[in-house]
Amino acid sequence: MIKIDNHIENKIYDDFISEFENLINQNIVEKSETTINIISSKMIDSFCELKQTLKTDYGSSPYCFCYNIPDCEIKHVIIVNEELCKTMNFSRSDHYAALLHEIGHFWAIQEYGKNILDNNISLSEYLSDKFVLKLGMGKELISALQKMSASGFYTPDYCKNAIDWRIDRLTDKLPL
């Protein structure tokens, strides 16, 4: 059973949990109770042990959403850079699709093992996108990725090799 805890004072994340937590549990078989925490990049300092284990400064990171498995009191965390999401004009459905993508990393680990996350970033992203497709939010994820690609926050190489590559894979999988 997966429980999702929201630590951000923004109704959109509570609404996401209400709308998707049961569907997520229907699609991920987890033998023990697992909590996935949603926190803001601005809140990392309030989780002292979490801040000490993170390898990236998510406050200044160009990532809107990031799944992490820190070695501390919080075992699974999705870090949200709300300012960046606001700058990129993310809609509610963009947020939902991005959150599902991050939970897709957890799903990929359950299905294929932890090495999937560490050893092959493209495969990890592909499998996480596949999870979003499985839950019916592919078009919404494409929307979020297009906003990221057009934002100017990422290098042209990163857009071409990571973001646009993912959009192409998702577009190929969606019905016309």
N, C-alpha and C. Protein backbone atom coordinates (compact mmCIF):
# COMPACT_ATOMS: atom_id res chain seq x y z
N MET A 1 0.84 -1.18 0.00
CA MET A 1 0.00 0.00 0.00
C MET A 1 0.89 1.24 0.00
N ILE A 2 0.58 2.14 -0.89
CA ILE A 2 1.33 3.39 -0.98
C ILE A 2 0.48 4.51 -0.42
N LYS A 3 1.09 5.26 0.46
CA LYS A 3 0.45 6.44 1.04
C LYS A 3 1.23 7.65 0.54
N ILE A 4 0.52 8.68 0.13
CA ILE A 4 1.17 9.89 -0.34
C ILE A 4 0.89 10.99 0.68
N ASP A 5 1.96 11.59 1.21
CA ASP A 5 1.84 12.69 2.18
C ASP A 5 2.25 13.98 1.51
N ASN A 6 1.39 14.97 1.60
CA ASN A 6 1.68 16.29 1.07
C ASN A 6 2.17 17.21 2.18
N HIS A 7 3.32 17.82 1.98
CA HIS A 7 3.88 18.76 2.95
C HIS A 7 3.90 20.19 2.40
N ILE A 8 3.16 20.41 1.31
CA ILE A 8 3.12 21.74 0.68
C ILE A 8 1.74 22.33 0.90
N GLU A 9 1.71 23.58 1.33
CA GLU A 9 0.42 24.25 1.54
C GLU A 9 -0.11 24.78 0.21
N ASN A 10 -0.58 23.85 -0.60
CA ASN A 10 -1.17 24.18 -1.88
C ASN A 10 -2.19 23.09 -2.18
N LYS A 11 -3.43 23.48 -2.34
CA LYS A 11 -4.54 22.54 -2.52
C LYS A 11 -4.34 21.58 -3.70
N ILE A 12 -3.60 22.01 -4.69
CA ILE A 12 -3.42 21.17 -5.88
C ILE A 12 -2.83 19.79 -5.53
N TYR A 13 -1.95 19.76 -4.52
CA TYR A 13 -1.32 18.49 -4.14
C TYR A 13 -2.27 17.62 -3.33
N ASP A 14 -3.09 18.23 -2.48
CA ASP A 14 -4.12 17.48 -1.77
C ASP A 14 -5.14 16.91 -2.76
N ASP A 15 -5.51 17.72 -3.75
CA ASP A 15 -6.45 17.26 -4.77
C ASP A 15 -5.86 16.11 -5.58
N PHE A 16 -4.57 16.20 -5.88
CA PHE A 16 -3.90 15.11 -6.60
C PHE A 16 -4.01 13.81 -5.81
N ILE A 17 -3.73 13.88 -4.53
CA ILE A 17 -3.79 12.68 -3.68
C ILE A 17 -5.21 12.11 -3.68
N SER A 18 -6.21 12.98 -3.51
CA SER A 18 -7.61 12.52 -3.51
C SER A 18 -7.98 11.84 -4.83
N GLU A 19 -7.51 12.41 -5.92
CA GLU A 19 -7.88 11.89 -7.23
C GLU A 19 -7.09 10.65 -7.66
N PHE A 20 -5.82 10.55 -7.25
CA PHE A 20 -4.96 9.51 -7.82
C PHE A 20 -4.43 8.45 -6.86
N GLU A 21 -4.51 8.65 -5.57
CA GLU A 21 -3.89 7.69 -4.65
C GLU A 21 -4.45 6.28 -4.83
N ASN A 22 -5.76 6.13 -4.95
CA ASN A 22 -6.34 4.79 -5.15
C ASN A 22 -5.92 4.19 -6.48
N LEU A 23 -5.93 4.99 -7.54
CA LEU A 23 -5.51 4.51 -8.86
C LEU A 23 -4.05 4.07 -8.84
N ILE A 24 -3.21 4.83 -8.17
CA ILE A 24 -1.80 4.47 -8.04
C ILE A 24 -1.67 3.12 -7.33
N ASN A 25 -2.43 2.95 -6.26
CA ASN A 25 -2.37 1.69 -5.52
C ASN A 25 -2.91 0.51 -6.32
N GLN A 26 -3.80 0.76 -7.26
CA GLN A 26 -4.30 -0.31 -8.12
C GLN A 26 -3.24 -0.73 -9.15
N ASN A 27 -2.27 0.14 -9.41
CA ASN A 27 -1.30 -0.11 -10.46
C ASN A 27 0.11 -0.41 -9.95
N ILE A 28 0.33 -0.27 -8.67
CA ILE A 28 1.63 -0.60 -8.08
C ILE A 28 1.39 -1.60 -6.96
N VAL A 29 1.98 -2.76 -7.09
CA VAL A 29 1.85 -3.77 -6.05
C VAL A 29 3.01 -3.58 -5.08
N GLU A 30 2.68 -3.13 -3.89
CA GLU A 30 3.70 -2.89 -2.86
C GLU A 30 3.32 -3.74 -1.66
N LYS A 31 4.23 -4.60 -1.22
CA LYS A 31 3.93 -5.56 -0.15
C LYS A 31 3.84 -4.90 1.22
N SER A 32 4.63 -3.86 1.45
CA SER A 32 4.59 -3.19 2.74
C SER A 32 4.09 -1.75 2.53
N GLU A 33 3.69 -1.12 3.61
CA GLU A 33 3.22 0.26 3.48
C GLU A 33 4.41 1.17 3.19
N THR A 34 4.28 1.96 2.17
CA THR A 34 5.31 2.89 1.75
C THR A 34 4.71 4.28 1.67
N THR A 35 5.43 5.26 2.16
CA THR A 35 4.98 6.65 2.08
C THR A 35 5.86 7.40 1.10
N ILE A 36 5.21 8.08 0.17
CA ILE A 36 5.91 8.99 -0.74
C ILE A 36 5.52 10.40 -0.31
N ASN A 37 6.52 11.20 0.04
CA ASN A 37 6.30 12.55 0.54
C ASN A 37 6.47 13.57 -0.58
N ILE A 38 5.55 14.52 -0.65
CA ILE A 38 5.66 15.63 -1.59
C ILE A 38 6.08 16.85 -0.78
N ILE A 39 7.26 17.40 -1.11
CA ILE A 39 7.73 18.59 -0.40
C ILE A 39 8.19 19.64 -1.40
N SER A 40 8.19 20.88 -0.95
CA SER A 40 8.66 21.99 -1.76
C SER A 40 10.18 22.09 -1.67
N SER A 41 10.79 22.52 -2.75
CA SER A 41 12.25 22.73 -2.72
C SER A 41 12.63 23.76 -1.67
N LYS A 42 11.69 24.63 -1.32
CA LYS A 42 11.95 25.65 -0.27
C LYS A 42 11.88 25.06 1.13
N MET A 43 11.30 23.87 1.27
CA MET A 43 11.12 23.26 2.59
C MET A 43 12.22 22.29 2.99
N ILE A 44 13.15 22.03 2.11
CA ILE A 44 14.16 21.01 2.37
C ILE A 44 14.89 21.28 3.68
N ASP A 45 15.16 22.54 3.97
CA ASP A 45 15.88 22.88 5.21
C ASP A 45 15.14 22.44 6.46
N SER A 46 13.81 22.35 6.41
CA SER A 46 13.06 21.94 7.60
C SER A 46 13.15 20.44 7.85
N PHE A 47 13.67 19.70 6.87
CA PHE A 47 13.92 18.28 7.04
C PHE A 47 15.43 18.11 7.14
N CYS A 48 15.98 18.37 8.31
CA CYS A 48 17.43 18.45 8.52
C CYS A 48 18.17 17.25 7.93
N GLU A 49 17.74 16.06 8.30
CA GLU A 49 18.44 14.86 7.84
C GLU A 49 18.33 14.72 6.32
N LEU A 50 17.18 15.11 5.76
CA LEU A 50 16.98 15.05 4.31
C LEU A 50 17.97 15.96 3.60
N LYS A 51 18.11 17.19 4.06
CA LYS A 51 19.02 18.14 3.42
C LYS A 51 20.45 17.61 3.40
N GLN A 52 20.86 16.94 4.46
CA GLN A 52 22.23 16.43 4.54
C GLN A 52 22.49 15.28 3.57
N THR A 53 21.45 14.58 3.14
CA THR A 53 21.66 13.42 2.27
C THR A 53 21.49 13.74 0.79
N LEU A 54 20.92 14.88 0.46
CA LEU A 54 20.69 15.22 -0.95
C LEU A 54 21.98 15.65 -1.62
N LYS A 55 22.16 15.22 -2.86
CA LYS A 55 23.37 15.53 -3.62
C LYS A 55 23.20 16.80 -4.46
N THR A 56 21.98 17.30 -4.58
CA THR A 56 21.70 18.44 -5.43
C THR A 56 21.04 19.53 -4.60
N ASP A 57 21.33 20.78 -4.93
CA ASP A 57 20.64 21.91 -4.32
C ASP A 57 19.36 22.14 -5.11
N TYR A 58 18.26 21.59 -4.63
CA TYR A 58 17.01 21.65 -5.38
C TYR A 58 16.39 23.04 -5.38
N GLY A 59 16.85 23.91 -4.48
CA GLY A 59 16.35 25.29 -4.48
C GLY A 59 16.78 26.04 -5.72
N SER A 60 17.94 25.73 -6.26
CA SER A 60 18.42 26.41 -7.47
C SER A 60 18.49 25.47 -8.67
N SER A 61 17.92 24.29 -8.53
CA SER A 61 17.93 23.30 -9.59
C SER A 61 16.93 23.66 -10.69
N PRO A 62 17.21 23.29 -11.94
CA PRO A 62 16.26 23.57 -13.01
C PRO A 62 15.13 22.55 -13.12
N TYR A 63 15.02 21.66 -12.16
CA TYR A 63 13.98 20.64 -12.21
C TYR A 63 12.71 21.14 -11.53
N CYS A 64 11.57 20.97 -12.21
CA CYS A 64 10.28 21.32 -11.61
C CYS A 64 9.89 20.29 -10.56
N PHE A 65 10.14 19.01 -10.89
CA PHE A 65 9.79 17.89 -10.02
C PHE A 65 10.97 16.92 -10.03
N CYS A 66 11.24 16.30 -8.89
CA CYS A 66 12.33 15.33 -8.84
C CYS A 66 12.02 14.26 -7.80
N TYR A 67 12.14 13.00 -8.19
CA TYR A 67 11.98 11.88 -7.27
C TYR A 67 13.34 11.54 -6.69
N ASN A 68 13.38 11.30 -5.38
CA ASN A 68 14.64 10.99 -4.73
C ASN A 68 14.40 9.93 -3.67
N ILE A 69 15.43 9.12 -3.44
CA ILE A 69 15.39 8.11 -2.36
C ILE A 69 16.54 8.44 -1.41
N PRO A 70 16.33 9.40 -0.53
CA PRO A 70 17.42 9.77 0.37
C PRO A 70 17.65 8.71 1.45
N ASP A 71 18.81 8.72 2.01
CA ASP A 71 19.16 7.79 3.08
C ASP A 71 18.94 8.50 4.41
N CYS A 72 17.67 8.69 4.77
CA CYS A 72 17.35 9.40 6.01
C CYS A 72 15.95 9.03 6.46
N GLU A 73 15.35 9.89 7.30
CA GLU A 73 14.04 9.59 7.87
C GLU A 73 12.94 9.54 6.80
N ILE A 74 13.14 10.22 5.70
CA ILE A 74 12.20 10.19 4.59
C ILE A 74 12.78 9.26 3.53
N LYS A 75 12.06 8.20 3.21
CA LYS A 75 12.60 7.20 2.28
C LYS A 75 12.28 7.48 0.83
N HIS A 76 11.15 8.11 0.55
CA HIS A 76 10.75 8.41 -0.83
C HIS A 76 10.21 9.84 -0.84
N VAL A 77 10.76 10.66 -1.70
CA VAL A 77 10.35 12.06 -1.71
C VAL A 77 10.25 12.58 -3.15
N ILE A 78 9.23 13.37 -3.38
CA ILE A 78 9.11 14.12 -4.62
C ILE A 78 9.31 15.58 -4.23
N ILE A 79 10.35 16.18 -4.78
CA ILE A 79 10.66 17.57 -4.48
C ILE A 79 10.10 18.42 -5.62
N VAL A 80 9.30 19.42 -5.26
CA VAL A 80 8.63 20.28 -6.24
C VAL A 80 9.20 21.69 -6.15
N ASN A 81 9.67 22.22 -7.27
CA ASN A 81 10.09 23.61 -7.34
C ASN A 81 8.88 24.41 -7.84
N GLU A 82 8.09 24.89 -6.88
CA GLU A 82 6.84 25.57 -7.21
C GLU A 82 7.06 26.86 -7.99
N GLU A 83 8.14 27.57 -7.70
CA GLU A 83 8.43 28.81 -8.43
C GLU A 83 8.66 28.53 -9.91
N LEU A 84 9.42 27.49 -10.18
CA LEU A 84 9.69 27.12 -11.57
C LEU A 84 8.40 26.67 -12.28
N CYS A 85 7.58 25.92 -11.58
CA CYS A 85 6.29 25.49 -12.16
C CYS A 85 5.43 26.71 -12.48
N LYS A 86 5.45 27.68 -11.59
CA LYS A 86 4.67 28.91 -11.82
C LYS A 86 5.24 29.69 -12.99
N THR A 87 6.56 29.81 -13.07
CA THR A 87 7.21 30.52 -14.16
C THR A 87 6.88 29.86 -15.50
N MET A 88 6.82 28.54 -15.52
CA MET A 88 6.52 27.81 -16.75
C MET A 88 5.02 27.69 -17.01
N ASN A 89 4.22 28.30 -16.13
CA ASN A 89 2.77 28.33 -16.30
C ASN A 89 2.16 26.93 -16.33
N PHE A 90 2.60 26.07 -15.42
CA PHE A 90 2.05 24.72 -15.32
C PHE A 90 0.59 24.77 -14.91
N SER A 91 -0.24 24.04 -15.61
CA SER A 91 -1.65 23.90 -15.25
C SER A 91 -1.79 22.82 -14.18
N ARG A 92 -2.98 22.67 -13.67
CA ARG A 92 -3.27 21.61 -12.69
C ARG A 92 -2.94 20.24 -13.32
N SER A 93 -3.35 20.03 -14.57
CA SER A 93 -3.10 18.72 -15.20
C SER A 93 -1.62 18.51 -15.49
N ASP A 94 -0.86 19.59 -15.76
CA ASP A 94 0.60 19.47 -15.91
C ASP A 94 1.21 18.98 -14.60
N HIS A 95 0.77 19.58 -13.49
CA HIS A 95 1.25 19.15 -12.17
C HIS A 95 0.94 17.67 -11.94
N TYR A 96 -0.30 17.28 -12.21
CA TYR A 96 -0.71 15.89 -11.98
C TYR A 96 0.14 14.92 -12.79
N ALA A 97 0.33 15.24 -14.07
CA ALA A 97 1.11 14.35 -14.93
C ALA A 97 2.56 14.27 -14.46
N ALA A 98 3.13 15.41 -14.06
CA ALA A 98 4.52 15.41 -13.58
C ALA A 98 4.64 14.62 -12.27
N LEU A 99 3.68 14.75 -11.38
CA LEU A 99 3.70 13.98 -10.14
C LEU A 99 3.59 12.48 -10.44
N LEU A 100 2.71 12.13 -11.37
CA LEU A 100 2.59 10.71 -11.74
C LEU A 100 3.89 10.20 -12.35
N HIS A 101 4.55 11.05 -13.14
CA HIS A 101 5.85 10.65 -13.71
C HIS A 101 6.84 10.35 -12.59
N GLU A 102 6.90 11.20 -11.59
CA GLU A 102 7.84 10.98 -10.47
C GLU A 102 7.48 9.71 -9.70
N ILE A 103 6.20 9.47 -9.51
CA ILE A 103 5.78 8.22 -8.86
C ILE A 103 6.11 7.04 -9.77
N GLY A 104 6.14 7.29 -11.07
CA GLY A 104 6.56 6.26 -12.03
C GLY A 104 7.98 5.79 -11.79
N HIS A 105 8.84 6.65 -11.27
CA HIS A 105 10.19 6.21 -10.91
C HIS A 105 10.12 5.15 -9.81
N PHE A 106 9.25 5.38 -8.83
CA PHE A 106 9.05 4.39 -7.76
C PHE A 106 8.54 3.08 -8.36
N TRP A 107 7.55 3.18 -9.26
CA TRP A 107 7.00 1.99 -9.94
C TRP A 107 8.09 1.24 -10.69
N ALA A 108 8.93 1.97 -11.43
CA ALA A 108 10.00 1.34 -12.21
C ALA A 108 10.96 0.57 -11.29
N ILE A 109 11.25 1.15 -10.14
CA ILE A 109 12.14 0.48 -9.19
C ILE A 109 11.48 -0.81 -8.67
N GLN A 110 10.18 -0.74 -8.38
CA GLN A 110 9.47 -1.93 -7.90
C GLN A 110 9.45 -3.03 -8.97
N GLU A 111 9.28 -2.61 -10.22
CA GLU A 111 9.17 -3.57 -11.32
C GLU A 111 10.53 -4.11 -11.78
N TYR A 112 11.54 -3.25 -11.81
CA TYR A 112 12.81 -3.60 -12.47
C TYR A 112 14.04 -3.52 -11.57
N GLY A 113 13.89 -3.03 -10.35
CA GLY A 113 15.02 -2.95 -9.42
C GLY A 113 15.62 -1.55 -9.35
N LYS A 114 16.29 -1.27 -8.24
CA LYS A 114 16.85 0.07 -7.99
C LYS A 114 17.90 0.47 -9.01
N ASN A 115 18.62 -0.48 -9.56
CA ASN A 115 19.66 -0.15 -10.54
C ASN A 115 19.11 0.57 -11.76
N ILE A 116 17.82 0.41 -12.02
CA ILE A 116 17.20 1.06 -13.18
C ILE A 116 17.30 2.58 -13.03
N LEU A 117 17.16 3.06 -11.83
CA LEU A 117 17.21 4.50 -11.57
C LEU A 117 18.64 5.02 -11.65
N ASP A 118 19.58 4.21 -11.20
CA ASP A 118 20.96 4.66 -11.11
C ASP A 118 21.75 4.49 -12.40
N ASN A 119 21.47 3.44 -13.15
CA ASN A 119 22.34 3.05 -14.25
C ASN A 119 21.91 3.49 -15.64
N ASN A 120 20.66 3.85 -15.82
CA ASN A 120 20.21 4.20 -17.16
C ASN A 120 19.13 5.26 -17.07
N ILE A 121 19.53 6.50 -17.13
CA ILE A 121 18.60 7.62 -16.95
C ILE A 121 17.52 7.60 -18.04
N SER A 122 17.91 7.37 -19.30
CA SER A 122 16.91 7.36 -20.38
C SER A 122 15.87 6.28 -20.17
N LEU A 123 16.30 5.09 -19.76
CA LEU A 123 15.36 4.01 -19.51
C LEU A 123 14.46 4.33 -18.32
N SER A 124 15.03 4.90 -17.29
CA SER A 124 14.26 5.29 -16.11
C SER A 124 13.18 6.32 -16.49
N GLU A 125 13.56 7.31 -17.30
CA GLU A 125 12.59 8.32 -17.74
C GLU A 125 11.52 7.68 -18.63
N TYR A 126 11.93 6.81 -19.53
CA TYR A 126 11.00 6.13 -20.42
C TYR A 126 9.98 5.31 -19.62
N LEU A 127 10.46 4.55 -18.65
CA LEU A 127 9.55 3.72 -17.84
C LEU A 127 8.62 4.58 -17.00
N SER A 128 9.13 5.68 -16.48
CA SER A 128 8.28 6.59 -15.69
C SER A 128 7.21 7.22 -16.56
N ASP A 129 7.58 7.59 -17.79
CA ASP A 129 6.60 8.11 -18.75
C ASP A 129 5.56 7.04 -19.09
N LYS A 130 6.02 5.80 -19.22
CA LYS A 130 5.13 4.67 -19.52
C LYS A 130 4.07 4.52 -18.42
N PHE A 131 4.48 4.74 -17.17
CA PHE A 131 3.54 4.68 -16.05
C PHE A 131 2.46 5.76 -16.21
N VAL A 132 2.87 6.96 -16.61
CA VAL A 132 1.91 8.06 -16.81
C VAL A 132 0.93 7.69 -17.92
N LEU A 133 1.43 7.11 -19.00
CA LEU A 133 0.56 6.66 -20.08
C LEU A 133 -0.45 5.62 -19.58
N LYS A 134 0.04 4.70 -18.77
CA LYS A 134 -0.80 3.64 -18.22
C LYS A 134 -1.97 4.22 -17.42
N LEU A 135 -1.73 5.36 -16.77
CA LEU A 135 -2.78 5.99 -15.97
C LEU A 135 -3.58 7.04 -16.74
N GLY A 136 -3.33 7.12 -18.05
CA GLY A 136 -4.15 7.96 -18.91
C GLY A 136 -3.82 9.45 -18.94
N MET A 137 -2.60 9.82 -18.56
CA MET A 137 -2.24 11.24 -18.50
C MET A 137 -1.11 11.59 -19.47
N GLY A 138 -0.99 10.85 -20.58
CA GLY A 138 0.09 11.08 -21.54
C GLY A 138 0.04 12.45 -22.18
N LYS A 139 -1.12 12.90 -22.62
CA LYS A 139 -1.24 14.22 -23.26
C LYS A 139 -0.86 15.33 -22.29
N GLU A 140 -1.24 15.15 -21.04
CA GLU A 140 -0.92 16.14 -20.02
C GLU A 140 0.58 16.19 -19.75
N LEU A 141 1.24 15.02 -19.78
CA LEU A 141 2.69 15.00 -19.59
C LEU A 141 3.39 15.67 -20.78
N ILE A 142 2.90 15.43 -21.98
CA ILE A 142 3.46 16.11 -23.15
C ILE A 142 3.35 17.62 -22.98
N SER A 143 2.21 18.09 -22.50
CA SER A 143 2.02 19.53 -22.27
C SER A 143 3.08 20.08 -21.30
N ALA A 144 3.29 19.36 -20.20
CA ALA A 144 4.29 19.80 -19.21
C ALA A 144 5.68 19.81 -19.83
N LEU A 145 6.02 18.76 -20.57
CA LEU A 145 7.34 18.68 -21.20
C LEU A 145 7.53 19.78 -22.25
N GLN A 146 6.49 20.08 -23.01
CA GLN A 146 6.59 21.16 -24.00
C GLN A 146 6.85 22.50 -23.32
N LYS A 147 6.20 22.73 -22.19
CA LYS A 147 6.43 23.97 -21.44
C LYS A 147 7.87 24.02 -20.92
N MET A 148 8.36 22.89 -20.48
CA MET A 148 9.75 22.83 -20.02
C MET A 148 10.71 23.11 -21.17
N SER A 149 10.47 22.50 -22.31
CA SER A 149 11.34 22.66 -23.47
C SER A 149 11.37 24.11 -23.95
N ALA A 150 10.21 24.77 -23.92
CA ALA A 150 10.10 26.15 -24.41
C ALA A 150 10.52 27.20 -23.37
N SER A 151 10.81 26.78 -22.15
CA SER A 151 11.03 27.72 -21.05
C SER A 151 12.33 28.52 -21.13
N GLY A 152 13.33 27.99 -21.82
CA GLY A 152 14.63 28.66 -21.83
C GLY A 152 15.50 28.32 -20.63
N PHE A 153 15.01 27.47 -19.74
CA PHE A 153 15.79 27.08 -18.55
C PHE A 153 16.78 25.96 -18.85
N TYR A 154 16.64 25.32 -19.99
CA TYR A 154 17.45 24.15 -20.30
C TYR A 154 18.27 24.41 -21.56
N THR A 155 19.41 23.78 -21.65
CA THR A 155 20.26 23.94 -22.82
C THR A 155 19.58 23.31 -24.04
N PRO A 156 19.91 23.80 -25.24
CA PRO A 156 19.33 23.17 -26.44
C PRO A 156 19.64 21.68 -26.53
N ASP A 157 20.84 21.27 -26.12
CA ASP A 157 21.18 19.84 -26.14
C ASP A 157 20.29 19.03 -25.20
N TYR A 158 20.06 19.57 -24.00
CA TYR A 158 19.21 18.86 -23.05
C TYR A 158 17.78 18.77 -23.59
N CYS A 159 17.29 19.84 -24.18
CA CYS A 159 15.94 19.81 -24.76
C CYS A 159 15.85 18.76 -25.84
N LYS A 160 16.83 18.74 -26.73
CA LYS A 160 16.80 17.79 -27.85
C LYS A 160 16.96 16.35 -27.38
N ASN A 161 17.94 16.11 -26.52
CA ASN A 161 18.31 14.75 -26.13
C ASN A 161 17.48 14.18 -24.98
N ALA A 162 16.83 15.02 -24.22
CA ALA A 162 16.07 14.52 -23.07
C ALA A 162 14.58 14.85 -23.20
N ILE A 163 14.27 16.12 -23.21
CA ILE A 163 12.85 16.51 -23.19
C ILE A 163 12.16 16.17 -24.52
N ASP A 164 12.71 16.64 -25.63
CA ASP A 164 12.07 16.39 -26.92
C ASP A 164 12.05 14.90 -27.27
N TRP A 165 13.10 14.18 -26.87
CA TRP A 165 13.14 12.73 -27.07
C TRP A 165 11.95 12.08 -26.36
N ARG A 166 11.68 12.52 -25.13
CA ARG A 166 10.56 11.96 -24.37
C ARG A 166 9.23 12.32 -25.02
N ILE A 167 9.10 13.56 -25.49
CA ILE A 167 7.86 13.97 -26.17
C ILE A 167 7.62 13.08 -27.39
N ASP A 168 8.68 12.83 -28.17
CA ASP A 168 8.55 11.95 -29.35
C ASP A 168 8.10 10.55 -28.96
N ARG A 169 8.68 9.98 -27.90
CA ARG A 169 8.30 8.64 -27.46
C ARG A 169 6.84 8.62 -27.00
N LEU A 170 6.44 9.64 -26.26
CA LEU A 170 5.05 9.70 -25.78
C LEU A 170 4.08 9.87 -26.94
N THR A 171 4.41 10.72 -27.88
CA THR A 171 3.55 10.98 -29.03
C THR A 171 3.35 9.69 -29.83
N ASP A 172 4.42 8.90 -29.97
CA ASP A 172 4.32 7.63 -30.70
C ASP A 172 3.35 6.65 -30.02
N LYS A 173 3.20 6.77 -28.70
CA LYS A 173 2.40 5.81 -27.94
C LYS A 173 0.93 6.23 -27.82
N LEU A 174 0.63 7.50 -28.06
CA LEU A 174 -0.73 7.99 -27.89
C LEU A 174 -1.59 7.69 -29.11
N PRO A 175 -2.84 7.36 -28.88
CA PRO A 175 -3.76 7.18 -30.02
C PRO A 175 -4.05 8.53 -30.65
N LEU A 176 -4.26 8.53 -31.97
CA LEU A 176 -4.55 9.78 -32.68
C LEU A 176 -5.98 10.23 -32.45
